Amino acid sequence: MEKTMKHSIKRRDVAAIVAKIHGVSDNYVRKVMRGERENEAIFSSVMEIIEQDNLLIQAVQKAVPL
């Protein structure tokens, strides 16, 4: 029987990273991400980390053909 290789991308816990940077709880950062709270500095940090992760994933995908 032949196995199929499925690749999954596991992302970092962005909320935990941003929470440490800003000295708030993970839950608060998740609320900002969902739009339940407003905090421009936290939202900006979240978007920056996500964008950098996406760029890194794209670079790896180009470097390592699947």
C-alpha atoms as a PDB file:
ATOM      1  CA  MET A   1       0.000   0.000   0.000  1.00  0.00           C
ATOM      2  CA  GLU A   2       1.384   3.365  -0.988  1.00  0.00           C
ATOM      3  CA  LYS A   3       1.376   6.188   1.527  1.00  0.00           C
ATOM      4  CA  THR A   4       0.697   9.722   0.468  1.00  0.00           C
ATOM      5  CA  MET A   5       2.806  12.450   1.970  1.00  0.00           C
ATOM      6  CA  LYS A   6       0.741  15.327   3.261  1.00  0.00           C
ATOM      7  CA  HIS A   7       2.632  18.403   4.289  1.00  0.00           C
ATOM      8  CA  SER A   8       1.197  20.549   6.992  1.00  0.00           C
ATOM      9  CA  ILE A   9       2.439  23.919   8.033  1.00  0.00           C
ATOM     10  CA  LYS A  10       2.521  24.395  11.770  1.00  0.00           C
ATOM     11  CA  ARG A  11       2.639  28.029  12.702  1.00  0.00           C
ATOM     12  CA  ARG A  12       4.016  29.598  15.829  1.00  0.00           C
ATOM     13  CA  ASP A  13       1.654  30.778  18.539  1.00  0.00           C
ATOM     14  CA  VAL A  14       1.651  34.420  17.495  1.00  0.00           C
ATOM     15  CA  ALA A  15      -0.562  35.439  20.421  1.00  0.00           C
ATOM     16  CA  ALA A  16       1.951  34.079  22.941  1.00  0.00           C
ATOM     17  CA  ILE A  17       4.866  35.850  21.247  1.00  0.00           C
ATOM     18  CA  VAL A  18       3.062  39.200  21.083  1.00  0.00           C
ATOM     19  CA  ALA A  19       1.814  38.824  24.660  1.00  0.00           C
ATOM     20  CA  LYS A  20       5.402  38.464  25.890  1.00  0.00           C
ATOM     21  CA  ILE A  21       6.510  41.495  23.880  1.00  0.00           C
ATOM     22  CA  HIS A  22       3.738  43.744  25.213  1.00  0.00           C
ATOM     23  CA  GLY A  23       3.415  42.302  28.725  1.00  0.00           C
ATOM     24  CA  VAL A  24      -0.225  41.256  28.361  1.00  0.00           C
ATOM     25  CA  SER A  25      -2.028  37.913  28.420  1.00  0.00           C
ATOM     26  CA  ASP A  26      -2.311  35.565  25.438  1.00  0.00           C
ATOM     27  CA  ASN A  27      -6.078  35.826  25.779  1.00  0.00           C
ATOM     28  CA  TYR A  28      -6.008  39.617  25.445  1.00  0.00           C
ATOM     29  CA  VAL A  29      -3.923  39.369  22.271  1.00  0.00           C
ATOM     30  CA  ARG A  30      -6.364  36.826  20.820  1.00  0.00           C
ATOM     31  CA  LYS A  31      -9.235  39.237  21.563  1.00  0.00           C
ATOM     32  CA  VAL A  32      -7.380  41.970  19.676  1.00  0.00           C
ATOM     33  CA  MET A  33      -6.823  39.534  16.791  1.00  0.00           C
ATOM     34  CA  ARG A  34     -10.556  38.704  16.693  1.00  0.00           C
ATOM     35  CA  GLY A  35     -11.516  42.384  16.841  1.00  0.00           C
ATOM     36  CA  GLU A  36     -13.117  42.191  20.295  1.00  0.00           C
ATOM     37  CA  ARG A  37     -10.596  44.714  21.674  1.00  0.00           C
ATOM     38  CA  GLU A  38      -8.720  47.572  20.064  1.00  0.00           C
ATOM     39  CA  ASN A  39      -5.008  48.027  20.553  1.00  0.00           C
ATOM     40  CA  GLU A  40      -3.095  49.351  17.559  1.00  0.00           C
ATOM     41  CA  ALA A  41       0.368  48.456  18.905  1.00  0.00           C
ATOM     42  CA  ILE A  42      -0.587  44.829  19.543  1.00  0.00           C
ATOM     43  CA  PHE A  43      -2.429  44.512  16.227  1.00  0.00           C
ATOM     44  CA  SER A  44       0.584  45.944  14.416  1.00  0.00           C
ATOM     45  CA  SER A  45       2.907  43.433  16.103  1.00  0.00           C
ATOM     46  CA  VAL A  46       0.592  40.544  15.213  1.00  0.00           C
ATOM     47  CA  MET A  47       0.429  41.580  11.566  1.00  0.00           C
ATOM     48  CA  GLU A  48       4.210  42.039  11.358  1.00  0.00           C
ATOM     49  CA  ILE A  49       4.916  38.560  12.763  1.00  0.00           C
ATOM     50  CA  ILE A  50       2.353  36.939  10.474  1.00  0.00           C
ATOM     51  CA  GLU A  51       3.778  38.732   7.437  1.00  0.00           C
ATOM     52  CA  GLN A  52       7.341  37.694   8.309  1.00  0.00           C
ATOM     53  CA  ASP A  53       6.214  34.083   8.828  1.00  0.00           C
ATOM     54  CA  ASN A  54       4.483  34.098   5.446  1.00  0.00           C
ATOM     55  CA  LEU A  55       7.613  35.429   3.744  1.00  0.00           C
ATOM     56  CA  LEU A  56       9.727  32.758   5.438  1.00  0.00           C
ATOM     57  CA  ILE A  57       7.321  29.986   4.404  1.00  0.00           C
ATOM     58  CA  GLN A  58       7.332  31.229   0.803  1.00  0.00           C
ATOM     59  CA  ALA A  59      11.140  31.303   0.730  1.00  0.00           C
ATOM     60  CA  VAL A  60      11.370  27.758   2.077  1.00  0.00           C
ATOM     61  CA  GLN A  61       8.777  26.520  -0.420  1.00  0.00           C
ATOM     62  CA  LYS A  62      10.810  28.039  -3.277  1.00  0.00           C
ATOM     63  CA  ALA A  63      14.039  26.549  -1.948  1.00  0.00           C
ATOM     64  CA  VAL A  64      12.655  23.064  -1.301  1.00  0.00           C
ATOM     65  CA  PRO A  65      10.392  21.849  -4.113  1.00  0.00           C
ATOM     66  CA  LEU A  66       7.697  19.456  -2.987  1.00  0.00           C
END
